[in-house]
N, C-alpha and C. Protein backbone atom coordinates (compact mmCIF):
# COMPACT_ATOMS: atom_id res chain seq x y z
N MET A 1 136.62 155.56 48.01
CA MET A 1 136.38 154.60 48.81
C MET A 1 137.54 153.68 48.60
N VAL A 2 138.12 153.10 49.85
CA VAL A 2 139.68 152.29 49.90
C VAL A 2 139.07 150.90 49.60
N THR A 3 139.87 150.17 48.88
CA THR A 3 139.44 148.81 48.35
C THR A 3 140.65 147.72 49.12
N ILE A 4 140.12 146.89 49.76
CA ILE A 4 141.06 146.14 50.67
C ILE A 4 140.63 144.48 50.35
N GLN A 5 141.43 143.56 50.09
CA GLN A 5 141.49 142.05 50.30
C GLN A 5 140.78 141.73 51.67
N ASP A 6 140.16 140.49 51.59
CA ASP A 6 139.94 140.28 52.75
C ASP A 6 140.93 139.65 53.74
N SER A 7 141.86 138.85 53.21
CA SER A 7 143.03 138.45 54.03
C SER A 7 143.61 139.84 55.06
N GLU A 8 143.76 140.77 54.08
CA GLU A 8 144.53 142.10 54.43
C GLU A 8 143.60 142.54 55.67
N ALA A 9 142.32 142.70 55.24
CA ALA A 9 141.49 143.30 56.38
C ALA A 9 141.59 142.38 57.77
N ASN A 10 141.59 141.36 57.40
CA ASN A 10 141.60 140.10 58.59
C ASN A 10 142.85 140.55 59.36
N SER A 11 143.93 140.75 58.64
CA SER A 11 145.28 140.86 59.18
C SER A 11 145.29 142.32 60.07
N HIS A 12 144.69 143.41 59.57
CA HIS A 12 145.01 144.57 60.23
C HIS A 12 143.36 145.26 60.20
N PHE A 13 142.68 144.33 61.12
CA PHE A 13 141.54 145.03 61.37
C PHE A 13 141.25 145.80 62.15
N ALA A 14 142.00 146.13 63.22
CA ALA A 14 142.07 147.42 64.08
C ALA A 14 142.61 148.78 63.42
N GLU A 15 143.07 148.49 62.52
CA GLU A 15 143.72 149.58 61.90
C GLU A 15 142.64 150.26 60.71
N LEU A 16 141.96 149.19 60.24
CA LEU A 16 140.97 149.17 59.12
C LEU A 16 139.85 150.02 60.05
N LEU A 17 139.02 149.43 60.97
CA LEU A 17 138.12 150.10 61.98
C LEU A 17 138.83 151.78 62.38
N ASP A 18 139.97 152.05 62.75
CA ASP A 18 140.50 153.19 62.87
C ASP A 18 140.23 154.26 61.60
N ARG A 19 140.31 153.50 60.49
CA ARG A 19 140.09 154.41 59.23
C ARG A 19 138.56 154.66 59.19
N VAL A 20 137.77 153.90 59.39
CA VAL A 20 136.36 153.92 59.16
C VAL A 20 135.88 154.55 60.32
N GLU A 21 136.56 154.77 61.57
CA GLU A 21 136.06 155.63 62.51
C GLU A 21 136.36 156.97 62.09
N ARG A 22 137.34 157.26 61.20
CA ARG A 22 137.75 158.85 60.80
C ARG A 22 136.80 158.98 59.63
N GLY A 23 135.84 157.98 59.08
CA GLY A 23 134.79 158.55 58.24
C GLY A 23 135.27 158.12 56.80
N GLU A 24 136.33 157.13 56.81
CA GLU A 24 136.55 156.72 55.26
C GLU A 24 135.55 155.38 55.11
N ARG A 25 135.11 154.96 53.91
CA ARG A 25 134.50 153.67 53.57
C ARG A 25 135.25 152.65 53.08
N VAL A 26 135.43 151.70 53.31
CA VAL A 26 136.16 150.58 53.09
C VAL A 26 135.49 149.47 52.31
N ALA A 27 135.82 149.12 50.99
CA ALA A 27 135.15 148.01 50.12
C ALA A 27 136.03 146.50 50.35
N VAL A 28 135.39 145.58 50.69
CA VAL A 28 136.25 144.36 51.13
C VAL A 28 136.27 143.35 49.85
N LEU A 29 137.24 143.01 49.28
CA LEU A 29 137.01 142.06 48.36
C LEU A 29 137.42 140.53 48.62
N ARG A 30 136.87 139.46 48.08
CA ARG A 30 137.41 138.16 48.23
C ARG A 30 137.74 138.10 46.90
N GLY A 31 138.69 137.78 46.53
CA GLY A 31 139.40 137.66 45.03
C GLY A 31 139.13 138.63 44.44
N ASP A 32 138.44 138.72 43.20
CA ASP A 32 137.76 139.92 42.57
C ASP A 32 136.44 140.37 42.88
N ARG A 33 135.83 139.56 43.85
CA ARG A 33 134.47 139.54 43.99
C ARG A 33 134.30 140.99 45.22
N HIS A 34 133.72 141.79 45.19
CA HIS A 34 133.30 142.87 46.36
C HIS A 34 132.05 141.95 47.28
N VAL A 35 132.54 141.68 48.52
CA VAL A 35 131.66 141.15 49.42
C VAL A 35 131.19 141.90 50.42
N ALA A 36 131.76 142.86 50.81
CA ALA A 36 131.45 143.61 51.90
C ALA A 36 131.82 145.16 51.93
N THR A 37 130.89 146.01 52.20
CA THR A 37 131.40 147.59 52.50
C THR A 37 131.56 148.15 53.71
N ILE A 38 132.42 148.51 54.76
CA ILE A 38 132.61 148.96 55.97
C ILE A 38 132.38 150.21 55.95
N VAL A 39 131.09 150.73 56.74
CA VAL A 39 130.94 152.35 56.59
C VAL A 39 131.05 152.50 58.15
N PRO A 40 131.11 154.03 58.37
CA PRO A 40 130.89 154.58 59.64
C PRO A 40 129.54 154.45 60.28
N ALA A 41 129.26 153.98 61.58
CA ALA A 41 127.94 153.72 61.96
C ALA A 41 127.06 154.89 61.60
N ALA A 42 127.46 156.24 61.72
CA ALA A 42 126.49 157.34 61.31
C ALA A 42 125.92 157.36 60.03
N CYS A 43 127.00 156.70 59.13
CA CYS A 43 126.37 156.70 57.77
C CYS A 43 124.98 155.82 57.69
N ASP A 44 125.22 154.55 58.34
CA ASP A 44 123.92 153.72 58.42
C ASP A 44 122.70 154.54 59.02
N ALA A 45 123.09 155.21 60.30
CA ALA A 45 121.80 155.84 60.87
C ALA A 45 121.20 156.92 59.94
N THR A 46 121.93 157.48 59.19
CA THR A 46 121.64 158.61 58.61
C THR A 46 120.63 158.07 57.16
N LYS A 47 121.01 156.67 56.69
CA LYS A 47 120.42 156.12 55.73
C LYS A 47 118.96 155.66 56.20
N ALA A 48 119.18 155.30 57.23
CA ALA A 48 118.12 154.56 57.98
C ALA A 48 116.91 155.57 58.24
N HIS A 49 117.23 156.80 58.75
CA HIS A 49 116.13 157.78 58.92
C HIS A 49 115.67 158.35 57.88
N ALA A 50 116.70 158.39 56.64
CA ALA A 50 116.14 158.81 55.31
C ALA A 50 114.97 157.70 54.95
N ALA A 51 115.33 156.59 55.16
CA ALA A 51 114.46 155.39 54.68
C ALA A 51 112.95 155.70 55.61
N MET A 52 113.04 156.02 56.90
CA MET A 52 111.68 155.97 57.49
C MET A 52 111.11 157.27 57.25
N ASP A 53 111.78 158.06 56.90
CA ASP A 53 111.06 159.49 56.22
C ASP A 53 110.23 159.08 54.87
N ARG A 54 110.84 158.34 54.07
CA ARG A 54 110.37 158.16 52.91
C ARG A 54 108.97 157.14 53.24
N ASN A 55 109.14 156.33 53.89
CA ASN A 55 107.98 155.51 54.38
C ASN A 55 106.87 156.02 54.95
N ARG A 56 107.37 157.33 56.05
CA ARG A 56 106.32 158.19 56.59
C ARG A 56 105.24 159.03 55.51
N VAL A 57 106.06 159.40 54.41
CA VAL A 57 105.65 160.19 53.43
C VAL A 57 104.44 159.14 52.72
N ARG A 58 105.06 157.98 52.18
CA ARG A 58 104.10 157.02 51.68
C ARG A 58 103.11 156.60 52.45
N ARG A 59 103.07 156.49 53.60
CA ARG A 59 102.02 155.88 54.41
C ARG A 59 101.01 156.94 54.58
N GLU A 60 101.41 158.35 54.66
CA GLU A 60 100.41 159.53 54.84
C GLU A 60 99.61 159.55 53.12
N LYS A 61 100.25 159.45 52.40
CA LYS A 61 99.92 159.46 50.88
C LYS A 61 98.76 158.49 50.92
N ILE A 62 99.20 157.22 51.03
CA ILE A 62 98.27 156.06 50.94
C ILE A 62 96.81 156.26 52.06
N ARG A 63 97.16 156.90 53.11
CA ARG A 63 95.98 157.13 54.13
C ARG A 63 95.23 158.13 53.54
N LEU A 64 95.82 159.16 52.72
CA LEU A 64 94.80 160.56 52.14
C LEU A 64 94.08 160.08 51.00
N GLU A 65 94.54 158.85 50.05
CA GLU A 65 93.92 158.17 48.99
C GLU A 65 92.85 157.45 49.33
N GLY A 66 92.89 157.09 50.87
CA GLY A 66 91.98 155.94 51.40
C GLY A 66 92.14 154.54 50.63
N ARG A 67 93.49 154.04 50.13
CA ARG A 67 93.48 152.74 49.63
C ARG A 67 94.40 152.18 50.67
N GLY A 68 94.65 150.83 50.30
CA GLY A 68 95.50 149.89 50.88
C GLY A 68 96.62 149.39 49.68
N LEU A 69 97.53 148.72 50.20
CA LEU A 69 98.92 148.60 49.50
C LEU A 69 98.91 147.35 48.84
N SER A 70 99.31 147.13 47.75
CA SER A 70 99.40 145.88 47.18
C SER A 70 100.53 145.20 47.62
N LEU A 71 100.74 143.94 47.16
CA LEU A 71 102.26 143.25 47.98
C LEU A 71 103.39 143.85 46.92
N SER A 72 103.14 144.07 45.49
CA SER A 72 104.49 144.74 45.04
C SER A 72 104.64 145.82 45.59
N GLU A 73 103.88 147.06 45.99
CA GLU A 73 104.09 148.20 46.53
C GLU A 73 104.78 147.98 48.03
N VAL A 74 104.56 147.13 48.64
CA VAL A 74 105.13 146.63 50.07
C VAL A 74 106.62 146.18 49.87
N ILE A 75 106.62 145.40 48.81
CA ILE A 75 107.83 145.09 48.50
C ILE A 75 108.97 146.23 47.86
N ALA A 76 108.33 147.05 47.15
CA ALA A 76 108.95 147.98 46.31
C ALA A 76 109.51 149.09 47.61
N SER A 77 108.66 149.24 48.36
CA SER A 77 108.94 149.91 49.60
C SER A 77 110.03 149.41 50.68
N ARG A 78 109.94 148.47 50.78
CA ARG A 78 110.76 147.66 51.60
C ARG A 78 112.40 147.81 50.88
N ASP A 79 112.37 147.83 49.96
CA ASP A 79 113.55 147.51 49.23
C ASP A 79 114.23 148.92 48.33
N SER A 80 113.31 149.82 48.55
CA SER A 80 113.97 151.27 48.32
C SER A 80 115.11 151.83 49.16
N GLY A 81 116.23 152.29 48.41
CA GLY A 81 117.29 152.51 49.03
C GLY A 81 118.07 151.51 49.31
N ARG A 82 117.80 150.44 48.89
CA ARG A 82 118.80 149.10 49.06
C ARG A 82 119.75 149.17 48.18
N ARG A 83 119.63 149.63 46.85
CA ARG A 83 120.68 149.30 45.65
C ARG A 83 121.14 150.72 45.55
């Protein structure tokens, strides 16, 4: 993954998007702090589909067990894959 300062990303945004379009991932720093990661759109779609598949499996398991979800289970499901 390429790392770039926010000021440089701002100055060369078109070139940055070209790199991302070619499949590179870019970490954007503000000072020493990582504030963003720019990834190709296909990466986000792939992750989203994987999360939906995991949720489908969980829903089916819960349906077969005949029980509901606790609040902590809902939150854990929502947050899975975010870290």
